[in-house]
Amino acid sequence: MRFLVIGCGSIGKRHVRNLIRLGERHILVHDSSRKRMMLVQKKYGVEARLELDSALEEELDAALVCTPPVTHVPLARRALDAGLNVFVEKPISHTMEGVVDIIKAAKRKGLVLAVGYNFRFHPGMRMVKEMLEGGSIGGVMWGRATVGQYLPDWRPWQDYRKSYTARREMGGGIILDGSHEIDYMRWLIGEVGSVTCFAGRLSSLEVDVEDSADILMRHGGGEMSNVHMDFIRRDYFRECEVVGEDGTVRWSFPSGTVRMYSAKTRKWRTVYRGCDPNEMYVGEMRHFIRCVQGKEIPLVSGEEGMRTLAVALAAKRSAASGRAVRVG
């Protein structure tokens, strides 16, 4: 297969490495920064294209859009118009404008449109999903997810003030960039009907976006969940827990564990321990390849990406208005 990776930042480079690991050798890269693109070409031995139009005219199977959120929809549309299957990094966009159009375009052309919520492919998270579906903790009542990490530590080779995360005009802010937690809580517990959110800039970091947010979500079956996200916490922390009538399950990303409390035994036990964090990205890309081959259906389709974006945008509206907001 032949792939075009659009965007040679950290996530674009990761996908290039993982495509090579999966045995793919026909990889083109494009980036608005010639220097960044040529570094990737030299390091990984891939082909580089200075002009996106000329790259899209080549015989390709799929494009990976790994650029700031404000560019996701127009770049995905160009790739779909060129007849390519498309993988878009999360979030699918920073607004709803044009999102339905690319979803319809992909369906009309019979092409795959997938969105990069990689935590759905983490082995520990997948175990949590299986446990909930299998009734290991009984009926789910509520959940909680927390993520925090200091923005200057995210990409230490880059001035954080120039990152899209720090800039409103690039589709930044912790609610959009931290929407992994919104997505996997939707996946674990169910669709979200309404949200209440408090968010703002609490730190002295030089950003013009919210650096912290607390989102309370009401799910379709009446369950509740809370998501806290920030890029001001100095240590890295990421975990979630789901509470059921018969127990609790807790996933910790830093420790690489899944633990379960049983109301019957009144004990905690570790049911999963450890994995290389890159494995979820490899699994995600392997799944995308199989979707392009027609062997699987996208776990995170364009529609799924749009639903997560709808919750994130509702949270932003709630924070601005001080009121609960219905999703949709």
C-alpha atoms as a PDB file:
ATOM      1  CA  MET A   1       0.000   0.000   0.000  1.00  0.00           C
ATOM      2  CA  ARG A   2       1.059   3.606  -0.507  1.00  0.00           C
ATOM      3  CA  PHE A   3       0.562   6.175   2.235  1.00  0.00           C
ATOM      4  CA  LEU A   4       0.808   9.939   2.409  1.00  0.00           C
ATOM      5  CA  VAL A   5       1.502  11.397   5.853  1.00  0.00           C
ATOM      6  CA  ILE A   6       0.530  15.068   5.964  1.00  0.00           C
ATOM      7  CA  GLY A   7       2.303  16.754   8.869  1.00  0.00           C
ATOM      8  CA  CYS A   8       5.742  15.813  10.189  1.00  0.00           C
ATOM      9  CA  GLY A   9       5.352  16.791  13.829  1.00  0.00           C
ATOM     10  CA  SER A  10       5.609  14.315  16.693  1.00  0.00           C
ATOM     11  CA  ILE A  11       2.452  12.342  15.865  1.00  0.00           C
ATOM     12  CA  GLY A  12       3.207  12.303  12.138  1.00  0.00           C
ATOM     13  CA  LYS A  13       6.674  10.899  12.837  1.00  0.00           C
ATOM     14  CA  ARG A  14       5.212   8.289  15.150  1.00  0.00           C
ATOM     15  CA  HIS A  15       2.826   7.095  12.444  1.00  0.00           C
ATOM     16  CA  VAL A  16       5.671   6.948   9.915  1.00  0.00           C
ATOM     17  CA  ARG A  17       7.718   4.784  12.306  1.00  0.00           C
ATOM     18  CA  ASN A  18       4.781   2.517  12.991  1.00  0.00           C
ATOM     19  CA  LEU A  19       3.855   2.106   9.334  1.00  0.00           C
ATOM     20  CA  ILE A  20       7.431   1.011   8.682  1.00  0.00           C
ATOM     21  CA  ARG A  21       7.246  -1.354  11.656  1.00  0.00           C
ATOM     22  CA  LEU A  22       4.094  -2.874  10.184  1.00  0.00           C
ATOM     23  CA  GLY A  23       5.957  -3.598   6.951  1.00  0.00           C
ATOM     24  CA  GLU A  24       4.801  -0.651   4.865  1.00  0.00           C
ATOM     25  CA  ARG A  25       7.565   0.784   2.681  1.00  0.00           C
ATOM     26  CA  HIS A  26       5.815   3.110   0.239  1.00  0.00           C
ATOM     27  CA  ILE A  27       5.413   6.237   2.381  1.00  0.00           C
ATOM     28  CA  LEU A  28       5.344   9.851   1.248  1.00  0.00           C
ATOM     29  CA  VAL A  29       5.479  12.798   3.642  1.00  0.00           C
ATOM     30  CA  HIS A  30       4.469  16.415   3.285  1.00  0.00           C
ATOM     31  CA  ASP A  31       4.776  19.326   5.691  1.00  0.00           C
ATOM     32  CA  SER A  32       4.442  23.093   5.430  1.00  0.00           C
ATOM     33  CA  SER A  33       7.919  23.278   6.969  1.00  0.00           C
ATOM     34  CA  ARG A  34      10.474  22.075   4.430  1.00  0.00           C
ATOM     35  CA  LYS A  35      13.097  21.659   7.149  1.00  0.00           C
ATOM     36  CA  ARG A  36      10.866  19.455   9.282  1.00  0.00           C
ATOM     37  CA  MET A  37       9.842  17.386   6.274  1.00  0.00           C
ATOM     38  CA  MET A  38      13.403  16.821   5.069  1.00  0.00           C
ATOM     39  CA  LEU A  39      14.497  15.713   8.548  1.00  0.00           C
ATOM     40  CA  VAL A  40      11.807  13.028   8.493  1.00  0.00           C
ATOM     41  CA  GLN A  41      12.802  11.982   4.987  1.00  0.00           C
ATOM     42  CA  LYS A  42      16.428  11.604   6.014  1.00  0.00           C
ATOM     43  CA  LYS A  43      15.737   9.820   9.294  1.00  0.00           C
ATOM     44  CA  TYR A  44      13.211   7.264   8.036  1.00  0.00           C
ATOM     45  CA  GLY A  45      14.153   6.915   4.374  1.00  0.00           C
ATOM     46  CA  VAL A  46      10.739   7.948   3.075  1.00  0.00           C
ATOM     47  CA  GLU A  47       9.869  10.122   0.104  1.00  0.00           C
ATOM     48  CA  ALA A  48       9.109  13.830   0.567  1.00  0.00           C
ATOM     49  CA  ARG A  49       6.850  16.046  -1.492  1.00  0.00           C
ATOM     50  CA  LEU A  50       7.088  19.813  -1.314  1.00  0.00           C
ATOM     51  CA  GLU A  51       3.730  20.367  -3.019  1.00  0.00           C
ATOM     52  CA  LEU A  52       0.642  18.719  -1.581  1.00  0.00           C
ATOM     53  CA  ASP A  53      -1.220  18.901  -4.889  1.00  0.00           C
ATOM     54  CA  SER A  54       1.471  16.908  -6.674  1.00  0.00           C
ATOM     55  CA  ALA A  55       1.524  14.360  -3.844  1.00  0.00           C
ATOM     56  CA  LEU A  56      -2.229  13.886  -4.094  1.00  0.00           C
ATOM     57  CA  GLU A  57      -1.910  13.247  -7.827  1.00  0.00           C
ATOM     58  CA  GLU A  58       0.257  10.181  -7.215  1.00  0.00           C
ATOM     59  CA  GLU A  59      -1.069   6.660  -6.952  1.00  0.00           C
ATOM     60  CA  LEU A  60      -1.883   6.361  -3.245  1.00  0.00           C
ATOM     61  CA  ASP A  61      -4.155   4.303  -1.027  1.00  0.00           C
ATOM     62  CA  ALA A  62      -4.499   6.446   2.086  1.00  0.00           C
ATOM     63  CA  ALA A  63      -3.607   9.764   3.681  1.00  0.00           C
ATOM     64  CA  LEU A  64      -2.919  10.480   7.345  1.00  0.00           C
ATOM     65  CA  VAL A  65      -3.782  14.031   8.415  1.00  0.00           C
ATOM     66  CA  CYS A  66      -1.449  14.906  11.307  1.00  0.00           C
ATOM     67  CA  THR A  67      -1.726  18.693  11.410  1.00  0.00           C
ATOM     68  CA  PRO A  68      -3.373  21.272  13.733  1.00  0.00           C
ATOM     69  CA  PRO A  69      -7.155  20.828  14.147  1.00  0.00           C
ATOM     70  CA  VAL A  70      -8.081  23.908  12.104  1.00  0.00           C
ATOM     71  CA  THR A  71      -6.654  22.208   8.999  1.00  0.00           C
ATOM     72  CA  HIS A  72      -8.186  18.760   9.489  1.00  0.00           C
ATOM     73  CA  VAL A  73     -11.411  19.200   7.515  1.00  0.00           C
ATOM     74  CA  PRO A  74      -9.947  20.961   4.451  1.00  0.00           C
ATOM     75  CA  LEU A  75      -7.039  18.521   4.213  1.00  0.00           C
ATOM     76  CA  ALA A  76      -9.283  15.495   4.706  1.00  0.00           C
ATOM     77  CA  ARG A  77     -11.593  16.818   1.998  1.00  0.00           C
ATOM     78  CA  ARG A  78      -8.720  17.231  -0.450  1.00  0.00           C
ATOM     79  CA  ALA A  79      -7.536  13.693   0.236  1.00  0.00           C
ATOM     80  CA  LEU A  80     -11.041  12.252  -0.143  1.00  0.00           C
ATOM     81  CA  ASP A  81     -11.527  14.190  -3.393  1.00  0.00           C
ATOM     82  CA  ALA A  82      -8.322  12.550  -4.618  1.00  0.00           C
ATOM     83  CA  GLY A  83      -9.868   9.141  -3.897  1.00  0.00           C
ATOM     84  CA  LEU A  84      -7.871   8.334  -0.777  1.00  0.00           C
ATOM     85  CA  ASN A  85      -8.909   6.650   2.434  1.00  0.00           C
ATOM     86  CA  VAL A  86      -8.274   9.065   5.294  1.00  0.00           C
ATOM     87  CA  PHE A  87      -7.078   8.841   8.880  1.00  0.00           C
ATOM     88  CA  VAL A  88      -7.510  12.157  10.753  1.00  0.00           C
ATOM     89  CA  GLU A  89      -5.814  12.830  14.056  1.00  0.00           C
ATOM     90  CA  LYS A  90      -8.050  13.869  16.930  1.00  0.00           C
ATOM     91  CA  PRO A  91     -10.090  15.967  17.247  1.00  0.00           C
ATOM     92  CA  ILE A  92     -11.708  15.604  13.855  1.00  0.00           C
ATOM     93  CA  SER A  93     -11.920  19.413  13.797  1.00  0.00           C
ATOM     94  CA  HIS A  94     -12.171  22.459  16.046  1.00  0.00           C
ATOM     95  CA  THR A  95     -15.741  23.271  14.918  1.00  0.00           C
ATOM     96  CA  MET A  96     -18.589  21.333  13.324  1.00  0.00           C
ATOM     97  CA  GLU A  97     -18.235  23.266  10.078  1.00  0.00           C
ATOM     98  CA  GLY A  98     -17.550  20.872   7.232  1.00  0.00           C
ATOM     99  CA  VAL A  99     -17.441  17.735   9.396  1.00  0.00           C
ATOM    100  CA  VAL A 100     -20.700  16.282   8.098  1.00  0.00           C
ATOM    101  CA  ASP A 101     -19.558  17.039   4.548  1.00  0.00           C
ATOM    102  CA  ILE A 102     -16.398  14.926   4.796  1.00  0.00           C
ATOM    103  CA  ILE A 103     -18.308  12.088   6.448  1.00  0.00           C
ATOM    104  CA  LYS A 104     -20.816  12.130   3.579  1.00  0.00           C
ATOM    105  CA  ALA A 105     -18.039  12.406   1.000  1.00  0.00           C
ATOM    106  CA  ALA A 106     -16.293   9.332   2.391  1.00  0.00           C
ATOM    107  CA  LYS A 107     -19.531   7.333   2.352  1.00  0.00           C
ATOM    108  CA  ARG A 108     -20.421   8.479  -1.159  1.00  0.00           C
ATOM    109  CA  LYS A 109     -17.021   7.424  -2.479  1.00  0.00           C
ATOM    110  CA  GLY A 110     -16.852   4.203  -0.488  1.00  0.00           C
ATOM    111  CA  LEU A 111     -13.736   5.348   1.365  1.00  0.00           C
ATOM    112  CA  VAL A 112     -12.618   4.890   4.954  1.00  0.00           C
ATOM    113  CA  LEU A 113     -12.647   7.901   7.270  1.00  0.00           C
ATOM    114  CA  ALA A 114     -11.133   7.160  10.690  1.00  0.00           C
ATOM    115  CA  VAL A 115     -10.226   9.415  13.630  1.00  0.00           C
ATOM    116  CA  GLY A 116      -7.188   9.037  15.879  1.00  0.00           C
ATOM    117  CA  TYR A 117      -8.490   8.348  19.379  1.00  0.00           C
ATOM    118  CA  ASN A 118      -5.692   5.929  20.163  1.00  0.00           C
ATOM    119  CA  PHE A 119      -6.652   5.117  23.765  1.00  0.00           C
ATOM    120  CA  ARG A 120      -9.416   2.857  22.450  1.00  0.00           C
ATOM    121  CA  PHE A 121      -6.539   0.633  21.286  1.00  0.00           C
ATOM    122  CA  HIS A 122      -4.681   0.540  24.601  1.00  0.00           C
ATOM    123  CA  PRO A 123      -4.730  -3.098  25.852  1.00  0.00           C
ATOM    124  CA  GLY A 124      -5.593  -1.979  29.389  1.00  0.00           C
ATOM    125  CA  MET A 125      -8.432   0.230  28.220  1.00  0.00           C
ATOM    126  CA  ARG A 126      -9.742  -2.545  26.001  1.00  0.00           C
ATOM    127  CA  MET A 127      -9.748  -4.836  29.031  1.00  0.00           C
ATOM    128  CA  VAL A 128     -11.821  -2.273  30.954  1.00  0.00           C
ATOM    129  CA  LYS A 129     -14.291  -2.205  28.071  1.00  0.00           C
ATOM    130  CA  GLU A 130     -14.536  -6.009  28.037  1.00  0.00           C
ATOM    131  CA  MET A 131     -15.053  -6.107  31.808  1.00  0.00           C
ATOM    132  CA  LEU A 132     -17.876  -3.591  31.672  1.00  0.00           C
ATOM    133  CA  GLU A 133     -19.575  -5.395  28.799  1.00  0.00           C
ATOM    134  CA  GLY A 134     -19.147  -8.711  30.600  1.00  0.00           C
ATOM    135  CA  GLY A 135     -20.786  -7.423  33.780  1.00  0.00           C
ATOM    136  CA  SER A 136     -17.692  -7.806  35.967  1.00  0.00           C
ATOM    137  CA  ILE A 137     -18.735  -4.892  38.179  1.00  0.00           C
ATOM    138  CA  GLY A 138     -22.473  -5.082  37.634  1.00  0.00           C
ATOM    139  CA  GLY A 139     -24.540  -2.200  36.330  1.00  0.00           C
ATOM    140  CA  VAL A 140     -22.453   0.909  35.723  1.00  0.00           C
ATOM    141  CA  MET A 141     -23.432   3.950  37.803  1.00  0.00           C
ATOM    142  CA  TRP A 142     -20.671   6.520  37.324  1.00  0.00           C
ATOM    143  CA  GLY A 143     -17.138   7.089  36.078  1.00  0.00           C
ATOM    144  CA  ARG A 144     -14.266   9.484  36.463  1.00  0.00           C
ATOM    145  CA  ALA A 145     -11.301  10.318  34.242  1.00  0.00           C
ATOM    146  CA  THR A 146      -8.373  12.577  35.031  1.00  0.00           C
ATOM    147  CA  VAL A 147      -5.451  13.727  32.914  1.00  0.00           C
ATOM    148  CA  GLY A 148      -2.840  16.352  33.714  1.00  0.00           C
ATOM    149  CA  GLN A 149       0.600  17.182  32.350  1.00  0.00           C
ATOM    150  CA  TYR A 150       2.607  20.410  32.125  1.00  0.00           C
ATOM    151  CA  LEU A 151       2.355  21.788  28.591  1.00  0.00           C
ATOM    152  CA  PRO A 152       6.051  22.780  28.265  1.00  0.00           C
ATOM    153  CA  ASP A 153       6.894  19.110  28.951  1.00  0.00           C
ATOM    154  CA  TRP A 154       4.674  17.764  26.155  1.00  0.00           C
ATOM    155  CA  ARG A 155       7.078  18.570  23.346  1.00  0.00           C
ATOM    156  CA  PRO A 156      10.276  19.776  25.061  1.00  0.00           C
ATOM    157  CA  TRP A 157      12.014  20.410  21.730  1.00  0.00           C
ATOM    158  CA  GLN A 158       9.425  23.080  20.877  1.00  0.00           C
ATOM    159  CA  ASP A 159       8.535  26.435  22.434  1.00  0.00           C
ATOM    160  CA  TYR A 160       5.161  25.572  23.979  1.00  0.00           C
ATOM    161  CA  ARG A 161       3.837  29.035  23.084  1.00  0.00           C
ATOM    162  CA  LYS A 162       4.117  28.113  19.397  1.00  0.00           C
ATOM    163  CA  SER A 163       2.268  24.814  19.741  1.00  0.00           C
ATOM    164  CA  TYR A 164      -1.275  24.570  18.452  1.00  0.00           C
ATOM    165  CA  THR A 165      -2.373  23.476  21.930  1.00  0.00           C
ATOM    166  CA  ALA A 166      -1.553  26.942  23.282  1.00  0.00           C
ATOM    167  CA  ARG A 167      -3.217  28.922  20.481  1.00  0.00           C
ATOM    168  CA  ARG A 168      -6.910  29.536  20.037  1.00  0.00           C
ATOM    169  CA  GLU A 169      -6.617  30.287  16.313  1.00  0.00           C
ATOM    170  CA  MET A 170      -5.053  26.851  15.747  1.00  0.00           C
ATOM    171  CA  GLY A 171      -7.836  24.953  17.509  1.00  0.00           C
ATOM    172  CA  GLY A 172      -5.989  24.611  20.814  1.00  0.00           C
ATOM    173  CA  GLY A 173      -7.062  24.472  24.433  1.00  0.00           C
ATOM    174  CA  ILE A 174      -7.183  21.512  26.779  1.00  0.00           C
ATOM    175  CA  ILE A 175     -10.815  20.598  26.024  1.00  0.00           C
ATOM    176  CA  LEU A 176     -10.088  19.831  22.370  1.00  0.00           C
ATOM    177  CA  ASP A 177      -6.554  18.549  22.823  1.00  0.00           C
ATOM    178  CA  GLY A 178      -7.577  16.533  25.868  1.00  0.00           C
ATOM    179  CA  SER A 179     -10.667  15.082  24.237  1.00  0.00           C
ATOM    180  CA  HIS A 180      -9.250  11.545  24.521  1.00  0.00           C
ATOM    181  CA  GLU A 181     -10.878  11.340  27.946  1.00  0.00           C
ATOM    182  CA  ILE A 182     -14.230  12.496  26.596  1.00  0.00           C
ATOM    183  CA  ASP A 183     -13.989   9.913  23.852  1.00  0.00           C
ATOM    184  CA  TYR A 184     -13.139   6.895  25.952  1.00  0.00           C
ATOM    185  CA  MET A 185     -15.708   7.746  28.615  1.00  0.00           C
ATOM    186  CA  ARG A 186     -18.314   7.873  25.841  1.00  0.00           C
ATOM    187  CA  TRP A 187     -17.027   4.504  24.634  1.00  0.00           C
ATOM    188  CA  LEU A 188     -17.024   2.920  28.085  1.00  0.00           C
ATOM    189  CA  ILE A 189     -20.273   4.270  29.522  1.00  0.00           C
ATOM    190  CA  GLY A 190     -22.408   5.408  26.588  1.00  0.00           C
ATOM    191  CA  GLU A 191     -23.513   8.448  24.656  1.00  0.00           C
ATOM    192  CA  VAL A 192     -23.593  11.794  26.428  1.00  0.00           C
ATOM    193  CA  GLY A 193     -26.832  13.747  26.586  1.00  0.00           C
ATOM    194  CA  SER A 194     -25.779  16.879  28.448  1.00  0.00           C
ATOM    195  CA  VAL A 195     -22.716  18.466  29.996  1.00  0.00           C
ATOM    196  CA  THR A 196     -21.824  21.068  32.573  1.00  0.00           C
ATOM    197  CA  CYS A 197     -18.327  22.488  32.436  1.00  0.00           C
ATOM    198  CA  PHE A 198     -16.097  24.889  34.322  1.00  0.00           C
ATOM    199  CA  ALA A 199     -12.965  25.839  32.428  1.00  0.00           C
ATOM    200  CA  GLY A 200     -10.453  28.634  32.303  1.00  0.00           C
ATOM    201  CA  ARG A 201      -6.854  29.760  32.336  1.00  0.00           C
ATOM    202  CA  LEU A 202      -5.559  29.149  35.858  1.00  0.00           C
ATOM    203  CA  SER A 203      -1.797  29.171  35.304  1.00  0.00           C
ATOM    204  CA  SER A 204       0.772  31.797  34.358  1.00  0.00           C
ATOM    205  CA  LEU A 205       1.581  29.993  31.105  1.00  0.00           C
ATOM    206  CA  GLU A 206       1.552  32.269  28.057  1.00  0.00           C
ATOM    207  CA  VAL A 207      -1.500  30.841  26.310  1.00  0.00           C
ATOM    208  CA  ASP A 208      -4.808  32.290  25.137  1.00  0.00           C
ATOM    209  CA  VAL A 209      -6.870  29.146  25.737  1.00  0.00           C
ATOM    210  CA  GLU A 210      -8.288  27.270  28.716  1.00  0.00           C
ATOM    211  CA  ASP A 211      -5.581  25.305  30.509  1.00  0.00           C
ATOM    212  CA  SER A 212      -7.907  23.444  32.880  1.00  0.00           C
ATOM    213  CA  ALA A 213     -11.432  22.059  32.643  1.00  0.00           C
ATOM    214  CA  ASP A 214     -13.845  19.992  34.704  1.00  0.00           C
ATOM    215  CA  ILE A 215     -16.678  18.421  32.746  1.00  0.00           C
ATOM    216  CA  LEU A 216     -19.682  16.677  34.295  1.00  0.00           C
ATOM    217  CA  MET A 217     -21.463  14.465  31.787  1.00  0.00           C
ATOM    218  CA  ARG A 218     -24.900  12.822  31.931  1.00  0.00           C
ATOM    219  CA  HIS A 219     -24.965   9.685  29.801  1.00  0.00           C
ATOM    220  CA  GLY A 220     -27.903   8.231  27.938  1.00  0.00           C
ATOM    221  CA  GLY A 221     -28.832   5.638  30.541  1.00  0.00           C
ATOM    222  CA  GLY A 222     -28.731   8.151  33.382  1.00  0.00           C
ATOM    223  CA  GLU A 223     -25.128   7.327  34.341  1.00  0.00           C
ATOM    224  CA  MET A 224     -22.828  10.203  35.232  1.00  0.00           C
ATOM    225  CA  SER A 225     -19.136  10.798  34.684  1.00  0.00           C
ATOM    226  CA  ASN A 226     -16.637  13.508  35.477  1.00  0.00           C
ATOM    227  CA  VAL A 227     -13.620  14.390  33.349  1.00  0.00           C
ATOM    228  CA  HIS A 228     -10.850  16.607  34.661  1.00  0.00           C
ATOM    229  CA  MET A 229      -8.197  17.711  32.195  1.00  0.00           C
ATOM    230  CA  ASP A 230      -5.379  20.237  32.392  1.00  0.00           C
ATOM    231  CA  PHE A 231      -1.957  21.086  31.023  1.00  0.00           C
ATOM    232  CA  ILE A 232      -0.702  22.793  34.176  1.00  0.00           C
ATOM    233  CA  ARG A 233      -0.020  19.835  36.481  1.00  0.00           C
ATOM    234  CA  ARG A 234       3.729  19.410  36.925  1.00  0.00           C
ATOM    235  CA  ASP A 235       3.713  15.609  37.267  1.00  0.00           C
ATOM    236  CA  TYR A 236       2.115  13.413  34.619  1.00  0.00           C
ATOM    237  CA  PHE A 237      -1.143  11.783  35.720  1.00  0.00           C
ATOM    238  CA  ARG A 238      -3.721   9.869  33.709  1.00  0.00           C
ATOM    239  CA  GLU A 239      -6.268   7.372  34.949  1.00  0.00           C
ATOM    240  CA  CYS A 240      -9.943   6.497  34.930  1.00  0.00           C
ATOM    241  CA  GLU A 241     -12.274   4.476  37.082  1.00  0.00           C
ATOM    242  CA  VAL A 242     -15.779   3.176  36.580  1.00  0.00           C
ATOM    243  CA  VAL A 243     -18.034   2.302  39.507  1.00  0.00           C
ATOM    244  CA  GLY A 244     -20.686  -0.370  39.233  1.00  0.00           C
ATOM    245  CA  GLU A 245     -23.216  -1.914  41.592  1.00  0.00           C
ATOM    246  CA  ASP A 246     -20.896  -4.879  42.269  1.00  0.00           C
ATOM    247  CA  GLY A 247     -17.469  -3.288  42.170  1.00  0.00           C
ATOM    248  CA  THR A 248     -15.016  -0.803  40.700  1.00  0.00           C
ATOM    249  CA  VAL A 249     -12.496  -0.995  37.880  1.00  0.00           C
ATOM    250  CA  ARG A 250      -9.541   1.400  37.713  1.00  0.00           C
ATOM    251  CA  TRP A 251      -7.086   1.969  34.845  1.00  0.00           C
ATOM    252  CA  SER A 252      -3.820   3.839  35.334  1.00  0.00           C
ATOM    253  CA  PHE A 253      -1.784   4.816  32.307  1.00  0.00           C
ATOM    254  CA  PRO A 254       1.457   5.757  34.125  1.00  0.00           C
ATOM    255  CA  SER A 255       1.571   2.500  36.078  1.00  0.00           C
ATOM    256  CA  GLY A 256       0.199   0.468  33.191  1.00  0.00           C
ATOM    257  CA  THR A 257      -2.302  -1.389  35.347  1.00  0.00           C
ATOM    258  CA  VAL A 258      -5.973  -2.293  35.504  1.00  0.00           C
ATOM    259  CA  ARG A 259      -7.282  -3.134  38.974  1.00  0.00           C
ATOM    260  CA  MET A 260     -10.702  -4.352  40.039  1.00  0.00           C
ATOM    261  CA  TYR A 261     -12.484  -4.209  43.379  1.00  0.00           C
ATOM    262  CA  SER A 262     -15.089  -6.886  43.973  1.00  0.00           C
ATOM    263  CA  ALA A 263     -17.932  -6.192  46.397  1.00  0.00           C
ATOM    264  CA  LYS A 264     -18.204  -9.958  46.878  1.00  0.00           C
ATOM    265  CA  THR A 265     -14.610 -10.515  48.048  1.00  0.00           C
ATOM    266  CA  ARG A 266     -14.087  -6.971  49.330  1.00  0.00           C
ATOM    267  CA  LYS A 267     -10.640  -7.029  47.790  1.00  0.00           C
ATOM    268  CA  TRP A 268      -8.705  -5.300  45.032  1.00  0.00           C
ATOM    269  CA  ARG A 269      -6.796  -7.379  42.504  1.00  0.00           C
ATOM    270  CA  THR A 270      -4.614  -6.456  39.530  1.00  0.00           C
ATOM    271  CA  VAL A 271      -6.045  -7.923  36.340  1.00  0.00           C
ATOM    272  CA  TYR A 272      -3.654  -6.323  33.832  1.00  0.00           C
ATOM    273  CA  ARG A 273      -0.122  -5.027  34.110  1.00  0.00           C
ATOM    274  CA  GLY A 274       1.998  -3.135  31.659  1.00  0.00           C
ATOM    275  CA  CYS A 275       2.486  -2.449  27.983  1.00  0.00           C
ATOM    276  CA  ASP A 276       4.688  -0.285  25.812  1.00  0.00           C
ATOM    277  CA  PRO A 277       2.586   2.882  25.257  1.00  0.00           C
ATOM    278  CA  ASN A 278       3.448   2.803  21.562  1.00  0.00           C
ATOM    279  CA  GLU A 279       1.552  -0.468  21.214  1.00  0.00           C
ATOM    280  CA  MET A 280      -1.765   1.376  21.175  1.00  0.00           C
ATOM    281  CA  TYR A 281      -0.572   3.462  18.212  1.00  0.00           C
ATOM    282  CA  VAL A 282       0.632   0.347  16.419  1.00  0.00           C
ATOM    283  CA  GLY A 283      -2.716  -1.322  17.061  1.00  0.00           C
ATOM    284  CA  GLU A 284      -4.535   1.758  15.833  1.00  0.00           C
ATOM    285  CA  MET A 285      -2.543   1.860  12.587  1.00  0.00           C
ATOM    286  CA  ARG A 286      -2.819  -1.904  12.044  1.00  0.00           C
ATOM    287  CA  HIS A 287      -6.588  -1.530  12.408  1.00  0.00           C
ATOM    288  CA  PHE A 288      -6.659   1.352   9.910  1.00  0.00           C
ATOM    289  CA  ILE A 289      -4.735  -0.705   7.363  1.00  0.00           C
ATOM    290  CA  ARG A 290      -7.180  -3.574   7.766  1.00  0.00           C
ATOM    291  CA  CYS A 291     -10.081  -1.131   7.326  1.00  0.00           C
ATOM    292  CA  VAL A 292      -8.556   0.121   4.067  1.00  0.00           C
ATOM    293  CA  GLN A 293      -8.195  -3.507   2.980  1.00  0.00           C
ATOM    294  CA  GLY A 294     -11.887  -4.034   3.708  1.00  0.00           C
ATOM    295  CA  LYS A 295     -11.217  -6.542   6.492  1.00  0.00           C
ATOM    296  CA  GLU A 296     -12.485  -4.438   9.419  1.00  0.00           C
ATOM    297  CA  ILE A 297     -14.836  -1.525  10.121  1.00  0.00           C
ATOM    298  CA  PRO A 298     -13.388   1.613  11.775  1.00  0.00           C
ATOM    299  CA  LEU A 299     -13.678   1.517  15.554  1.00  0.00           C
ATOM    300  CA  VAL A 300     -13.440   5.316  15.563  1.00  0.00           C
ATOM    301  CA  SER A 301     -15.275   6.359  12.421  1.00  0.00           C
ATOM    302  CA  GLY A 302     -15.932   9.878  11.234  1.00  0.00           C
ATOM    303  CA  GLU A 303     -19.296   9.709  12.984  1.00  0.00           C
ATOM    304  CA  GLU A 304     -17.658   8.640  16.246  1.00  0.00           C
ATOM    305  CA  GLY A 305     -15.155  11.484  15.965  1.00  0.00           C
ATOM    306  CA  MET A 306     -18.006  13.906  15.327  1.00  0.00           C
ATOM    307  CA  ARG A 307     -19.905  12.718  18.423  1.00  0.00           C
ATOM    308  CA  THR A 308     -16.861  13.247  20.632  1.00  0.00           C
ATOM    309  CA  LEU A 309     -16.335  16.688  19.095  1.00  0.00           C
ATOM    310  CA  ALA A 310     -19.988  17.532  19.815  1.00  0.00           C
ATOM    311  CA  VAL A 311     -19.450  16.798  23.515  1.00  0.00           C
ATOM    312  CA  ALA A 312     -16.240  18.861  23.605  1.00  0.00           C
ATOM    313  CA  LEU A 313     -17.929  21.824  21.927  1.00  0.00           C
ATOM    314  CA  ALA A 314     -20.912  21.540  24.286  1.00  0.00           C
ATOM    315  CA  ALA A 315     -18.446  21.667  27.189  1.00  0.00           C
ATOM    316  CA  LYS A 316     -16.905  24.841  25.791  1.00  0.00           C
ATOM    317  CA  ARG A 317     -20.357  26.397  25.438  1.00  0.00           C
ATOM    318  CA  SER A 318     -21.225  25.415  28.985  1.00  0.00           C
ATOM    319  CA  ALA A 319     -18.027  26.971  30.336  1.00  0.00           C
ATOM    320  CA  ALA A 320     -18.778  30.189  28.464  1.00  0.00           C
ATOM    321  CA  SER A 321     -22.427  30.393  29.544  1.00  0.00           C
ATOM    322  CA  GLY A 322     -22.244  28.930  33.052  1.00  0.00           C
ATOM    323  CA  ARG A 323     -25.129  26.610  32.225  1.00  0.00           C
ATOM    324  CA  ALA A 324     -25.718  22.954  31.437  1.00  0.00           C
ATOM    325  CA  VAL A 325     -25.758  22.341  27.687  1.00  0.00           C
ATOM    326  CA  ARG A 326     -27.433  19.545  25.762  1.00  0.00           C
ATOM    327  CA  VAL A 327     -25.241  17.719  23.275  1.00  0.00           C
ATOM    328  CA  GLY A 328     -26.324  17.720  19.651  1.00  0.00           C
END
